[in-house]
């Protein structure tokens, strides 16, 4: 997560993703990953930047 985000933001992300995908999702911060699998998960991670705001 971006610096300055909190647990409320994380909860909102979980709700938005669940609604969008139609399935339950689990979202973890990098610090929440089990050290035994952290490197594998991060190697497979796809990082996306936010979509730019529409121009008017």
PDB file of N, CA and C in Angstrom:
ATOM      1  N   UNK A   1       0.835  -1.180   0.000  1.00  0.00           N
ATOM      2  CA  UNK A   1       0.000   0.000   0.000  1.00  0.00           C
ATOM      3  C   UNK A   1       0.875   1.237   0.000  1.00  0.00           C
ATOM      4  N   UNK A   2       0.305   2.277  -0.478  1.00  0.00           N
ATOM      5  CA  UNK A   2       1.018   3.547  -0.490  1.00  0.00           C
ATOM      6  C   UNK A   2       1.211   4.051   0.933  1.00  0.00           C
ATOM      7  N   UNK A   3       2.303   4.759   1.179  1.00  0.00           N
ATOM      8  CA  UNK A   3       2.474   5.379   2.497  1.00  0.00           C
ATOM      9  C   UNK A   3       1.287   6.296   2.798  1.00  0.00           C
ATOM     10  N   UNK A   4       0.878   6.333   4.037  1.00  0.00           N
ATOM     11  CA  UNK A   4      -0.232   7.182   4.430  1.00  0.00           C
ATOM     12  C   UNK A   4      -1.586   6.491   4.392  1.00  0.00           C
ATOM     13  N   UNK A   5      -1.644   5.287   3.848  1.00  0.00           N
ATOM     14  CA  UNK A   5      -2.895   4.523   3.831  1.00  0.00           C
ATOM     15  C   UNK A   5      -3.039   3.793   5.152  1.00  0.00           C
ATOM     16  N   UNK A   6      -4.284   3.470   5.536  1.00  0.00           N
ATOM     17  CA  UNK A   6      -4.492   2.798   6.815  1.00  0.00           C
ATOM     18  C   UNK A   6      -5.399   1.587   6.641  1.00  0.00           C
ATOM     19  N   UNK A   7      -5.757   0.971   7.765  1.00  0.00           N
ATOM     20  CA  UNK A   7      -6.549  -0.255   7.735  1.00  0.00           C
ATOM     21  C   UNK A   7      -7.941  -0.010   7.138  1.00  0.00           C
ATOM     22  N   UNK A   8      -8.468   1.187   7.278  1.00  0.00           N
ATOM     23  CA  UNK A   8      -9.764   1.507   6.680  1.00  0.00           C
ATOM     24  C   UNK A   8      -9.649   1.466   5.157  1.00  0.00           C
ATOM     25  N   UNK A   9      -8.562   1.998   4.616  1.00  0.00           N
ATOM     26  CA  UNK A   9      -8.331   1.945   3.172  1.00  0.00           C
ATOM     27  C   UNK A   9      -8.214   0.501   2.705  1.00  0.00           C
ATOM     28  N   UNK A  10      -7.516  -0.323   3.475  1.00  0.00           N
ATOM     29  CA  UNK A  10      -7.348  -1.734   3.127  1.00  0.00           C
ATOM     30  C   UNK A  10      -8.703  -2.440   3.121  1.00  0.00           C
ATOM     31  N   UNK A  11      -9.533  -2.154   4.115  1.00  0.00           N
ATOM     32  CA  UNK A  11     -10.873  -2.741   4.166  1.00  0.00           C
ATOM     33  C   UNK A  11     -11.720  -2.319   2.980  1.00  0.00           C
ATOM     34  N   UNK A  12     -11.614  -1.057   2.596  1.00  0.00           N
ATOM     35  CA  UNK A  12     -12.344  -0.579   1.426  1.00  0.00           C
ATOM     36  C   UNK A  12     -11.888  -1.265   0.157  1.00  0.00           C
ATOM     37  N   UNK A  13     -10.592  -1.508   0.047  1.00  0.00           N
ATOM     38  CA  UNK A  13     -10.053  -2.208  -1.115  1.00  0.00           C
ATOM     39  C   UNK A  13     -10.611  -3.622  -1.188  1.00  0.00           C
ATOM     40  N   UNK A  14     -10.646  -4.311  -0.049  1.00  0.00           N
ATOM     41  CA  UNK A  14     -11.190  -5.672  -0.005  1.00  0.00           C
ATOM     42  C   UNK A  14     -12.650  -5.670  -0.456  1.00  0.00           C
ATOM     43  N   UNK A  15     -13.436  -4.743   0.051  1.00  0.00           N
ATOM     44  CA  UNK A  15     -14.854  -4.677  -0.323  1.00  0.00           C
ATOM     45  C   UNK A  15     -15.023  -4.375  -1.809  1.00  0.00           C
ATOM     46  N   UNK A  16     -14.258  -3.415  -2.318  1.00  0.00           N
ATOM     47  CA  UNK A  16     -14.357  -3.057  -3.736  1.00  0.00           C
ATOM     48  C   UNK A  16     -13.968  -4.224  -4.636  1.00  0.00           C
ATOM     49  N   UNK A  17     -12.868  -4.897  -4.311  1.00  0.00           N
ATOM     50  CA  UNK A  17     -12.427  -6.027  -5.129  1.00  0.00           C
ATOM     51  C   UNK A  17     -13.430  -7.170  -5.087  1.00  0.00           C
ATOM     52  N   UNK A  18     -13.962  -7.467  -3.904  1.00  0.00           N
ATOM     53  CA  UNK A  18     -14.948  -8.538  -3.773  1.00  0.00           C
ATOM     54  C   UNK A  18     -16.180  -8.250  -4.622  1.00  0.00           C
ATOM     55  N   UNK A  19     -16.649  -7.012  -4.576  1.00  0.00           N
ATOM     56  CA  UNK A  19     -17.820  -6.636  -5.362  1.00  0.00           C
ATOM     57  C   UNK A  19     -17.518  -6.705  -6.858  1.00  0.00           C
ATOM     58  N   UNK A  20     -16.384  -6.201  -7.252  1.00  0.00           N
ATOM     59  CA  UNK A  20     -15.999  -6.178  -8.658  1.00  0.00           C
ATOM     60  C   UNK A  20     -15.813  -7.579  -9.224  1.00  0.00           C
ATOM     61  N   UNK A  21     -15.165  -8.460  -8.445  1.00  0.00           N
ATOM     62  CA  UNK A  21     -14.844  -9.804  -8.920  1.00  0.00           C
ATOM     63  C   UNK A  21     -15.935 -10.825  -8.629  1.00  0.00           C
ATOM     64  N   UNK A  22     -16.815 -10.510  -7.703  1.00  0.00           N
ATOM     65  CA  UNK A  22     -17.887 -11.433  -7.357  1.00  0.00           C
ATOM     66  C   UNK A  22     -17.441 -12.613  -6.516  1.00  0.00           C
ATOM     67  N   UNK A  23     -16.297 -12.495  -5.871  1.00  0.00           N
ATOM     68  CA  UNK A  23     -15.775 -13.548  -4.994  1.00  0.00           C
ATOM     69  C   UNK A  23     -15.125 -12.887  -3.788  1.00  0.00           C
ATOM     70  N   UNK A  24     -14.957 -13.667  -2.706  1.00  0.00           N
ATOM     71  CA  UNK A  24     -14.230 -13.144  -1.555  1.00  0.00           C
ATOM     72  C   UNK A  24     -12.755 -13.028  -1.909  1.00  0.00           C
ATOM     73  N   UNK A  25     -12.115 -11.996  -1.429  1.00  0.00           N
ATOM     74  CA  UNK A  25     -10.685 -11.808  -1.672  1.00  0.00           C
ATOM     75  C   UNK A  25      -9.965 -11.587  -0.349  1.00  0.00           C
ATOM     76  N   UNK A  26      -8.705 -11.916  -0.331  1.00  0.00           N
ATOM     77  CA  UNK A  26      -7.824 -11.618   0.786  1.00  0.00           C
ATOM     78  C   UNK A  26      -6.779 -10.639   0.282  1.00  0.00           C
ATOM     79  N   UNK A  27      -6.536  -9.605   1.036  1.00  0.00           N
ATOM     80  CA  UNK A  27      -5.533  -8.607   0.677  1.00  0.00           C
ATOM     81  C   UNK A  27      -4.577  -8.469   1.850  1.00  0.00           C
ATOM     82  N   UNK A  28      -3.295  -8.556   1.556  1.00  0.00           N
ATOM     83  CA  UNK A  28      -2.263  -8.419   2.580  1.00  0.00           C
ATOM     84  C   UNK A  28      -1.297  -7.321   2.193  1.00  0.00           C
ATOM     85  N   UNK A  29      -0.709  -6.709   3.188  1.00  0.00           N
ATOM     86  CA  UNK A  29       0.414  -5.821   2.917  1.00  0.00           C
ATOM     87  C   UNK A  29       1.666  -6.688   2.817  1.00  0.00           C
ATOM     88  N   UNK A  30       2.725  -6.147   2.278  1.00  0.00           N
ATOM     89  CA  UNK A  30       3.980  -6.897   2.175  1.00  0.00           C
ATOM     90  C   UNK A  30       4.427  -7.389   3.550  1.00  0.00           C
ATOM     91  N   UNK A  31       4.240  -6.569   4.568  1.00  0.00           N
ATOM     92  CA  UNK A  31       4.639  -6.954   5.925  1.00  0.00           C
ATOM     93  C   UNK A  31       3.805  -8.113   6.463  1.00  0.00           C
ATOM     94  N   UNK A  32       2.610  -8.301   5.918  1.00  0.00           N
ATOM     95  CA  UNK A  32       1.736  -9.373   6.378  1.00  0.00           C
ATOM     96  C   UNK A  32       2.001 -10.716   5.736  1.00  0.00           C
ATOM     97  N   UNK A  33       2.916 -10.769   4.772  1.00  0.00           N
ATOM     98  CA  UNK A  33       3.220 -12.032   4.095  1.00  0.00           C
ATOM     99  C   UNK A  33       4.097 -12.917   4.965  1.00  0.00           C
ATOM    100  N   UNK A  34       3.811 -14.204   4.944  1.00  0.00           N
ATOM    101  CA  UNK A  34       4.642 -15.180   5.641  1.00  0.00           C
ATOM    102  C   UNK A  34       6.037 -15.143   5.022  1.00  0.00           C
ATOM    103  N   UNK A  35       7.084 -15.007   5.825  1.00  0.00           N
ATOM    104  CA  UNK A  35       8.446 -14.927   5.284  1.00  0.00           C
ATOM    105  C   UNK A  35       8.831 -16.123   4.410  1.00  0.00           C
ATOM    106  N   UNK A  36       8.239 -17.288   4.669  1.00  0.00           N
ATOM    107  CA  UNK A  36       8.587 -18.480   3.875  1.00  0.00           C
ATOM    108  C   UNK A  36       8.107 -18.380   2.433  1.00  0.00           C
ATOM    109  N   UNK A  37       7.046 -17.617   2.183  1.00  0.00           N
ATOM    110  CA  UNK A  37       6.507 -17.510   0.823  1.00  0.00           C
ATOM    111  C   UNK A  37       6.626 -16.101   0.248  1.00  0.00           C
ATOM    112  N   UNK A  38       7.125 -15.173   1.043  1.00  0.00           N
ATOM    113  CA  UNK A  38       7.177 -13.770   0.623  1.00  0.00           C
ATOM    114  C   UNK A  38       7.881 -13.580  -0.720  1.00  0.00           C
ATOM    115  N   UNK A  39       9.072 -14.137  -0.886  1.00  0.00           N
ATOM    116  CA  UNK A  39       9.831 -13.925  -2.122  1.00  0.00           C
ATOM    117  C   UNK A  39       9.075 -14.449  -3.339  1.00  0.00           C
ATOM    118  N   UNK A  40       8.436 -15.616  -3.204  1.00  0.00           N
ATOM    119  CA  UNK A  40       7.688 -16.176  -4.339  1.00  0.00           C
ATOM    120  C   UNK A  40       6.494 -15.288  -4.679  1.00  0.00           C
ATOM    121  N   UNK A  41       5.750 -14.852  -3.681  1.00  0.00           N
ATOM    122  CA  UNK A  41       4.592 -14.002  -3.928  1.00  0.00           C
ATOM    123  C   UNK A  41       5.002 -12.687  -4.577  1.00  0.00           C
ATOM    124  N   UNK A  42       6.053 -12.074  -4.061  1.00  0.00           N
ATOM    125  CA  UNK A  42       6.488 -10.793  -4.616  1.00  0.00           C
ATOM    126  C   UNK A  42       7.019 -10.945  -6.036  1.00  0.00           C
ATOM    127  N   UNK A  43       7.630 -12.082  -6.351  1.00  0.00           N
ATOM    128  CA  UNK A  43       8.120 -12.326  -7.709  1.00  0.00           C
ATOM    129  C   UNK A  43       6.961 -12.440  -8.697  1.00  0.00           C
ATOM    130  N   UNK A  44       5.802 -12.908  -8.223  1.00  0.00           N
ATOM    131  CA  UNK A  44       4.636 -13.088  -9.089  1.00  0.00           C
ATOM    132  C   UNK A  44       3.690 -11.890  -9.065  1.00  0.00           C
ATOM    133  N   UNK A  45       3.962 -10.931  -8.198  1.00  0.00           N
ATOM    134  CA  UNK A  45       3.057  -9.787  -8.037  1.00  0.00           C
ATOM    135  C   UNK A  45       3.029  -8.934  -9.297  1.00  0.00           C
ATOM    136  N   UNK A  46       1.870  -8.400  -9.579  1.00  0.00           N
ATOM    137  CA  UNK A  46       1.702  -7.459 -10.682  1.00  0.00           C
ATOM    138  C   UNK A  46       1.356  -6.119 -10.052  1.00  0.00           C
ATOM    139  N   UNK A  47       2.241  -5.161 -10.207  1.00  0.00           N
ATOM    140  CA  UNK A  47       2.020  -3.839  -9.630  1.00  0.00           C
ATOM    141  C   UNK A  47       1.336  -2.951 -10.653  1.00  0.00           C
ATOM    142  N   UNK A  48       0.265  -2.337 -10.242  1.00  0.00           N
ATOM    143  CA  UNK A  48      -0.491  -1.447 -11.113  1.00  0.00           C
ATOM    144  C   UNK A  48      -0.498  -0.062 -10.492  1.00  0.00           C
ATOM    145  N   UNK A  49      -0.385   0.937 -11.328  1.00  0.00           N
ATOM    146  CA  UNK A  49      -0.526   2.299 -10.821  1.00  0.00           C
ATOM    147  C   UNK A  49      -1.982   2.710 -11.014  1.00  0.00           C
ATOM    148  N   UNK A  50      -2.448   3.658 -10.231  1.00  0.00           N
ATOM    149  CA  UNK A  50      -3.839   4.099 -10.377  1.00  0.00           C
ATOM    150  C   UNK A  50      -4.089   4.645 -11.773  1.00  0.00           C
ATOM    151  N   UNK A  51      -5.301   4.456 -12.251  1.00  0.00           N
ATOM    152  CA  UNK A  51      -5.676   5.000 -13.556  1.00  0.00           C
ATOM    153  C   UNK A  51      -5.697   6.518 -13.468  1.00  0.00           C
ATOM    154  N   UNK A  52      -5.252   7.181 -14.514  1.00  0.00           N
ATOM    155  CA  UNK A  52      -5.304   8.648 -14.488  1.00  0.00           C
ATOM    156  C   UNK A  52      -6.754   9.129 -14.460  1.00  0.00           C
ATOM    157  N   UNK A  53      -6.965  10.275 -13.867  1.00  0.00           N
ATOM    158  CA  UNK A  53      -8.307  10.857 -13.812  1.00  0.00           C
ATOM    159  C   UNK A  53      -8.751  11.225 -15.221  1.00  0.00           C
ATOM    160  N   UNK A  54     -10.034  11.034 -15.517  1.00  0.00           N
ATOM    161  CA  UNK A  54     -10.523  11.405 -16.856  1.00  0.00           C
ATOM    162  C   UNK A  54     -10.365  12.898 -17.096  1.00  0.00           C
ATOM    163  N   UNK A  55     -10.048  13.254 -18.317  1.00  0.00           N
ATOM    164  CA  UNK A  55      -9.905  14.674 -18.676  1.00  0.00           C
ATOM    165  C   UNK A  55     -11.258  15.235 -19.055  1.00  0.00           C
ATOM    166  N   UNK A  56     -11.448  16.471 -18.678  1.00  0.00           N
ATOM    167  CA  UNK A  56     -12.717  17.141 -19.009  1.00  0.00           C
ATOM    168  C   UNK A  56     -12.474  18.330 -19.859  1.00  0.00           C
TER     169      UNK A  56
END
